[in-house]
Every structure is written in structure tokens, then in C-alpha cells.
Amino acid sequence: MRVSIMKEEVFYGKGMERVKKEDEGLYQAIVGLNEAVWNGKVLDYKTQKLIAIGIAASNADSRATERQIMSAKKELGVTRDEVVDVLKVVLLTSGMQPFNKALQIANKVFE
């Protein structure tokens, strides 16, 4: 599995590679959106990435949560403690099930 962050114009999955080959205009639009979102204009990129972890976890999306945590750890040095702080907010706002699911993923990533 290819793991990186969109900020550096590396996307998850094989689908974006195909989009890039078949529809350069659409691909460039996605890259432009990516740059507009992850610009660190007010919130620094690390904070934005922690928010992304919280959103993925709140949605109980295991795949997205794992990818967000992995890229945050690899690219930004995010610690397990920082992720757990985010997951505490998930617990408060989304409940025990998304919290537990994401915590298991975080434990796996930081083993």
C-alpha cells in the first residue's frame, strides 16, 4: 500500500493514478483543491492533520483513520498521545464505538 499525504501531491490508492493519466484537467483541479485546503494559512498543517484524524475517526472509517494516523506519524512526527487527545474529542462528540475503533487503530500504528 502506498502511504503518504495529499499535501505533497501523493494520493492514496490507485484510482488517482488513473485519473492523472486519463483526465489531467480533473487531476489538476484536485491538486489545486488539495493545495487550497492544506495551506496552513491560519491553522498549521499538523493541526489540520489532527482534525482530519478526528473526522475520519468520527465517521468510524477504519481505512481513512489508519491512513491519516500513519501519514501524520510519518510526515509530521505526530505522537500517540496527540492522537489520543483527538480521540477523546471523538468520544465526546461521536460516542464510544468510533472512539474504540480509532483507538485500536492508533494502538496498532504506534506499536
N, C-alpha and C. Protein backbone atom coordinates (compact mmCIF):
# COMPACT_ATOMS: atom_id res chain seq x y z
N MET A 1 0.84 -1.17 0.00
CA MET A 1 0.00 0.00 0.00
C MET A 1 0.89 1.24 0.00
N ARG A 2 0.59 2.17 -0.84
CA ARG A 2 1.31 3.42 -0.94
C ARG A 2 0.73 4.39 0.06
N VAL A 3 1.53 4.85 1.00
CA VAL A 3 1.02 5.72 2.04
C VAL A 3 1.79 7.03 2.02
N SER A 4 1.09 8.10 1.89
CA SER A 4 1.67 9.43 2.00
C SER A 4 0.53 10.41 2.21
N ILE A 5 0.84 11.67 2.11
CA ILE A 5 -0.18 12.67 2.37
C ILE A 5 -0.48 13.45 1.10
N MET A 6 -1.70 13.90 0.99
CA MET A 6 -2.10 14.63 -0.20
C MET A 6 -1.38 15.97 -0.32
N LYS A 7 -0.95 16.51 0.78
CA LYS A 7 -0.30 17.81 0.72
C LYS A 7 0.86 17.81 -0.26
N GLU A 8 1.55 16.71 -0.33
CA GLU A 8 2.71 16.61 -1.22
C GLU A 8 2.34 16.04 -2.58
N GLU A 9 1.07 16.12 -2.95
CA GLU A 9 0.55 15.65 -4.22
C GLU A 9 0.77 14.15 -4.41
N VAL A 10 0.74 13.40 -3.34
CA VAL A 10 0.74 11.95 -3.41
C VAL A 10 -0.58 11.50 -2.80
N PHE A 11 -1.35 10.79 -3.57
CA PHE A 11 -2.69 10.43 -3.15
C PHE A 11 -2.76 8.94 -2.82
N TYR A 12 -3.70 8.60 -1.96
CA TYR A 12 -3.93 7.20 -1.61
C TYR A 12 -4.59 6.48 -2.77
N GLY A 13 -4.26 5.23 -2.89
CA GLY A 13 -4.97 4.37 -3.82
C GLY A 13 -4.52 4.51 -5.25
N LYS A 14 -4.94 3.55 -6.01
CA LYS A 14 -4.57 3.50 -7.42
C LYS A 14 -5.49 4.36 -8.28
N GLY A 15 -6.63 4.73 -7.74
CA GLY A 15 -7.60 5.49 -8.52
C GLY A 15 -7.07 6.83 -9.01
N MET A 16 -6.32 7.53 -8.17
CA MET A 16 -5.82 8.84 -8.57
C MET A 16 -4.75 8.73 -9.65
N GLU A 17 -3.99 7.66 -9.65
CA GLU A 17 -3.00 7.47 -10.71
C GLU A 17 -3.70 7.36 -12.06
N ARG A 18 -4.82 6.67 -12.06
CA ARG A 18 -5.58 6.52 -13.31
C ARG A 18 -6.20 7.85 -13.72
N VAL A 19 -6.74 8.58 -12.76
CA VAL A 19 -7.31 9.90 -13.07
C VAL A 19 -6.23 10.79 -13.69
N LYS A 20 -5.03 10.74 -13.13
CA LYS A 20 -3.94 11.57 -13.64
C LYS A 20 -3.62 11.23 -15.10
N LYS A 21 -3.66 9.96 -15.42
CA LYS A 21 -3.36 9.52 -16.80
C LYS A 21 -4.50 9.83 -17.76
N GLU A 22 -5.73 9.67 -17.28
CA GLU A 22 -6.89 9.77 -18.17
C GLU A 22 -7.54 11.15 -18.23
N ASP A 23 -7.38 11.94 -17.18
CA ASP A 23 -8.05 13.24 -17.14
C ASP A 23 -7.18 14.24 -16.39
N GLU A 24 -6.19 14.75 -17.07
CA GLU A 24 -5.23 15.67 -16.46
C GLU A 24 -5.91 16.91 -15.88
N GLY A 25 -6.96 17.40 -16.54
CA GLY A 25 -7.67 18.57 -16.04
C GLY A 25 -8.31 18.31 -14.68
N LEU A 26 -8.99 17.18 -14.56
CA LEU A 26 -9.60 16.82 -13.28
C LEU A 26 -8.53 16.62 -12.22
N TYR A 27 -7.45 15.95 -12.59
CA TYR A 27 -6.36 15.73 -11.64
C TYR A 27 -5.80 17.07 -11.14
N GLN A 28 -5.57 18.00 -12.03
CA GLN A 28 -5.04 19.30 -11.63
C GLN A 28 -6.02 20.07 -10.74
N ALA A 29 -7.33 19.90 -11.01
CA ALA A 29 -8.34 20.54 -10.16
C ALA A 29 -8.26 19.97 -8.74
N ILE A 30 -8.08 18.66 -8.63
CA ILE A 30 -7.95 18.02 -7.32
C ILE A 30 -6.69 18.49 -6.62
N VAL A 31 -5.59 18.60 -7.36
CA VAL A 31 -4.34 19.10 -6.78
C VAL A 31 -4.53 20.53 -6.29
N GLY A 32 -5.22 21.35 -7.07
CA GLY A 32 -5.48 22.73 -6.66
C GLY A 32 -6.33 22.81 -5.39
N LEU A 33 -7.34 21.97 -5.30
CA LEU A 33 -8.17 21.91 -4.10
C LEU A 33 -7.32 21.48 -2.91
N ASN A 34 -6.50 20.48 -3.12
CA ASN A 34 -5.60 19.98 -2.09
C ASN A 34 -4.71 21.12 -1.56
N GLU A 35 -4.14 21.89 -2.46
CA GLU A 35 -3.26 23.00 -2.06
C GLU A 35 -4.05 24.08 -1.33
N ALA A 36 -5.29 24.32 -1.74
CA ALA A 36 -6.11 25.34 -1.09
C ALA A 36 -6.49 24.93 0.33
N VAL A 37 -6.73 23.64 0.53
CA VAL A 37 -7.14 23.14 1.85
C VAL A 37 -5.96 23.05 2.80
N TRP A 38 -4.87 22.45 2.36
CA TRP A 38 -3.72 22.17 3.24
C TRP A 38 -2.69 23.31 3.16
N ASN A 39 -3.13 24.55 3.19
CA ASN A 39 -2.21 25.67 3.00
C ASN A 39 -1.59 26.20 4.29
N GLY A 40 -2.10 25.80 5.43
CA GLY A 40 -1.53 26.29 6.69
C GLY A 40 -1.65 27.79 6.88
N LYS A 41 -2.61 28.38 6.22
CA LYS A 41 -2.77 29.84 6.26
C LYS A 41 -3.06 30.34 7.67
N VAL A 42 -3.97 29.70 8.37
CA VAL A 42 -4.30 30.08 9.74
C VAL A 42 -3.93 28.96 10.69
N LEU A 43 -4.39 27.76 10.39
CA LEU A 43 -4.03 26.59 11.19
C LEU A 43 -2.81 25.94 10.54
N ASP A 44 -1.84 25.57 11.35
CA ASP A 44 -0.68 24.89 10.78
C ASP A 44 -1.09 23.51 10.28
N TYR A 45 -0.26 22.95 9.43
CA TYR A 45 -0.58 21.68 8.78
C TYR A 45 -0.77 20.55 9.79
N LYS A 46 0.01 20.53 10.85
CA LYS A 46 -0.13 19.48 11.86
C LYS A 46 -1.52 19.54 12.50
N THR A 47 -1.99 20.73 12.82
CA THR A 47 -3.32 20.89 13.40
C THR A 47 -4.38 20.42 12.40
N GLN A 48 -4.23 20.80 11.14
CA GLN A 48 -5.16 20.36 10.13
C GLN A 48 -5.19 18.83 10.03
N LYS A 49 -4.03 18.20 10.11
CA LYS A 49 -3.94 16.74 10.02
C LYS A 49 -4.62 16.09 11.22
N LEU A 50 -4.44 16.67 12.42
CA LEU A 50 -5.11 16.14 13.60
C LEU A 50 -6.63 16.25 13.47
N ILE A 51 -7.10 17.33 12.87
CA ILE A 51 -8.53 17.48 12.61
C ILE A 51 -9.00 16.40 11.65
N ALA A 52 -8.21 16.13 10.62
CA ALA A 52 -8.56 15.09 9.65
C ALA A 52 -8.66 13.72 10.33
N ILE A 53 -7.76 13.45 11.26
CA ILE A 53 -7.82 12.20 12.03
C ILE A 53 -9.15 12.13 12.79
N GLY A 54 -9.51 13.22 13.44
CA GLY A 54 -10.75 13.26 14.20
C GLY A 54 -11.98 13.06 13.33
N ILE A 55 -11.98 13.65 12.16
CA ILE A 55 -13.13 13.49 11.26
C ILE A 55 -13.24 12.05 10.78
N ALA A 56 -12.11 11.48 10.36
CA ALA A 56 -12.13 10.09 9.89
C ALA A 56 -12.58 9.16 11.01
N ALA A 57 -12.06 9.39 12.22
CA ALA A 57 -12.43 8.56 13.37
C ALA A 57 -13.91 8.74 13.71
N SER A 58 -14.41 9.96 13.68
CA SER A 58 -15.81 10.22 13.98
C SER A 58 -16.75 9.53 13.00
N ASN A 59 -16.29 9.37 11.78
CA ASN A 59 -17.07 8.67 10.76
C ASN A 59 -16.94 7.16 10.87
N ALA A 60 -16.13 6.70 11.82
CA ALA A 60 -15.88 5.26 12.02
C ALA A 60 -15.34 4.63 10.74
N ASP A 61 -14.54 5.39 10.01
CA ASP A 61 -13.93 4.93 8.77
C ASP A 61 -12.53 4.39 9.08
N SER A 62 -12.45 3.10 9.28
CA SER A 62 -11.19 2.48 9.72
C SER A 62 -10.05 2.73 8.74
N ARG A 63 -10.34 2.57 7.48
CA ARG A 63 -9.28 2.74 6.46
C ARG A 63 -8.74 4.17 6.45
N ALA A 64 -9.65 5.13 6.42
CA ALA A 64 -9.23 6.54 6.40
C ALA A 64 -8.53 6.92 7.70
N THR A 65 -9.04 6.43 8.82
CA THR A 65 -8.42 6.73 10.11
C THR A 65 -7.00 6.21 10.15
N GLU A 66 -6.81 4.98 9.73
CA GLU A 66 -5.46 4.40 9.72
C GLU A 66 -4.53 5.17 8.81
N ARG A 67 -4.98 5.52 7.64
CA ARG A 67 -4.14 6.26 6.70
C ARG A 67 -3.79 7.65 7.24
N GLN A 68 -4.77 8.32 7.83
CA GLN A 68 -4.50 9.65 8.38
C GLN A 68 -3.48 9.56 9.53
N ILE A 69 -3.66 8.58 10.40
CA ILE A 69 -2.73 8.43 11.53
C ILE A 69 -1.34 8.06 11.02
N MET A 70 -1.28 7.14 10.08
CA MET A 70 0.02 6.72 9.56
C MET A 70 0.77 7.87 8.90
N SER A 71 0.08 8.65 8.10
CA SER A 71 0.75 9.76 7.43
C SER A 71 1.13 10.85 8.43
N ALA A 72 0.28 11.09 9.43
CA ALA A 72 0.61 12.09 10.45
C ALA A 72 1.85 11.68 11.23
N LYS A 73 1.94 10.41 11.55
CA LYS A 73 3.11 9.90 12.27
C LYS A 73 4.36 10.01 11.41
N LYS A 74 4.26 9.55 10.18
CA LYS A 74 5.43 9.51 9.29
C LYS A 74 5.89 10.90 8.87
N GLU A 75 4.96 11.72 8.44
CA GLU A 75 5.33 13.01 7.85
C GLU A 75 5.48 14.13 8.87
N LEU A 76 4.77 14.03 10.00
CA LEU A 76 4.75 15.15 10.94
C LEU A 76 5.25 14.78 12.33
N GLY A 77 5.54 13.52 12.55
CA GLY A 77 6.01 13.09 13.87
C GLY A 77 4.93 13.15 14.93
N VAL A 78 3.68 13.07 14.52
CA VAL A 78 2.58 13.09 15.48
C VAL A 78 2.73 11.89 16.41
N THR A 79 2.50 12.12 17.69
CA THR A 79 2.67 11.07 18.69
C THR A 79 1.34 10.39 19.00
N ARG A 80 1.42 9.24 19.64
CA ARG A 80 0.22 8.53 20.07
C ARG A 80 -0.57 9.40 21.04
N ASP A 81 0.12 10.10 21.94
CA ASP A 81 -0.58 10.96 22.91
C ASP A 81 -1.38 12.06 22.21
N GLU A 82 -0.84 12.63 21.15
CA GLU A 82 -1.58 13.65 20.40
C GLU A 82 -2.82 13.05 19.75
N VAL A 83 -2.66 11.86 19.19
CA VAL A 83 -3.80 11.19 18.56
C VAL A 83 -4.86 10.85 19.61
N VAL A 84 -4.43 10.37 20.75
CA VAL A 84 -5.39 10.03 21.82
C VAL A 84 -6.14 11.28 22.27
N ASP A 85 -5.49 12.43 22.34
CA ASP A 85 -6.20 13.67 22.68
C ASP A 85 -7.30 13.96 21.66
N VAL A 86 -7.00 13.75 20.40
CA VAL A 86 -8.00 13.94 19.35
C VAL A 86 -9.14 12.94 19.55
N LEU A 87 -8.79 11.71 19.85
CA LEU A 87 -9.80 10.67 20.01
C LEU A 87 -10.70 10.91 21.22
N LYS A 88 -10.22 11.61 22.21
CA LYS A 88 -11.06 11.99 23.35
C LYS A 88 -12.20 12.91 22.89
N VAL A 89 -11.89 13.78 21.95
CA VAL A 89 -12.93 14.65 21.39
C VAL A 89 -13.92 13.80 20.58
N VAL A 90 -13.39 12.81 19.86
CA VAL A 90 -14.26 11.89 19.13
C VAL A 90 -15.21 11.19 20.10
N LEU A 91 -14.69 10.74 21.22
CA LEU A 91 -15.53 10.08 22.23
C LEU A 91 -16.66 11.00 22.67
N LEU A 92 -16.33 12.24 22.95
CA LEU A 92 -17.32 13.20 23.43
C LEU A 92 -18.36 13.54 22.36
N THR A 93 -17.92 13.65 21.11
CA THR A 93 -18.83 14.11 20.06
C THR A 93 -19.50 13.00 19.26
N SER A 94 -18.85 11.84 19.19
CA SER A 94 -19.37 10.77 18.32
C SER A 94 -19.65 9.47 19.03
N GLY A 95 -19.19 9.34 20.27
CA GLY A 95 -19.54 8.17 21.05
C GLY A 95 -18.43 7.14 21.19
N MET A 96 -18.77 6.12 21.97
CA MET A 96 -17.82 5.09 22.34
C MET A 96 -17.37 4.22 21.17
N GLN A 97 -18.29 3.85 20.30
CA GLN A 97 -17.93 2.95 19.21
C GLN A 97 -16.87 3.54 18.27
N PRO A 98 -17.04 4.75 17.75
CA PRO A 98 -15.99 5.32 16.90
C PRO A 98 -14.68 5.52 17.67
N PHE A 99 -14.79 5.91 18.95
CA PHE A 99 -13.61 6.10 19.79
C PHE A 99 -12.83 4.79 19.92
N ASN A 100 -13.52 3.72 20.30
CA ASN A 100 -12.86 2.43 20.47
C ASN A 100 -12.21 1.93 19.19
N LYS A 101 -12.93 2.06 18.10
CA LYS A 101 -12.43 1.62 16.80
C LYS A 101 -11.14 2.38 16.45
N ALA A 102 -11.16 3.69 16.61
CA ALA A 102 -10.00 4.51 16.28
C ALA A 102 -8.84 4.27 17.25
N LEU A 103 -9.15 4.05 18.51
CA LEU A 103 -8.10 3.79 19.49
C LEU A 103 -7.37 2.49 19.16
N GLN A 104 -8.10 1.48 18.75
CA GLN A 104 -7.47 0.23 18.34
C GLN A 104 -6.53 0.46 17.15
N ILE A 105 -6.96 1.27 16.23
CA ILE A 105 -6.12 1.59 15.06
C ILE A 105 -4.87 2.35 15.50
N ALA A 106 -5.06 3.34 16.37
CA ALA A 106 -3.91 4.11 16.84
C ALA A 106 -2.92 3.20 17.57
N ASN A 107 -3.42 2.32 18.40
CA ASN A 107 -2.54 1.39 19.12
C ASN A 107 -1.74 0.55 18.14
N LYS A 108 -2.38 0.07 17.09
CA LYS A 108 -1.71 -0.73 16.07
C LYS A 108 -0.62 0.08 15.35
N VAL A 109 -0.95 1.30 14.97
CA VAL A 109 0.00 2.15 14.23
C VAL A 109 1.22 2.48 15.08
N PHE A 110 1.00 2.70 16.37
CA PHE A 110 2.11 3.12 17.24
C PHE A 110 2.81 1.97 17.97
N GLU A 111 2.46 0.72 17.64
CA GLU A 111 3.15 -0.42 18.27
C GLU A 111 4.60 -0.48 17.84
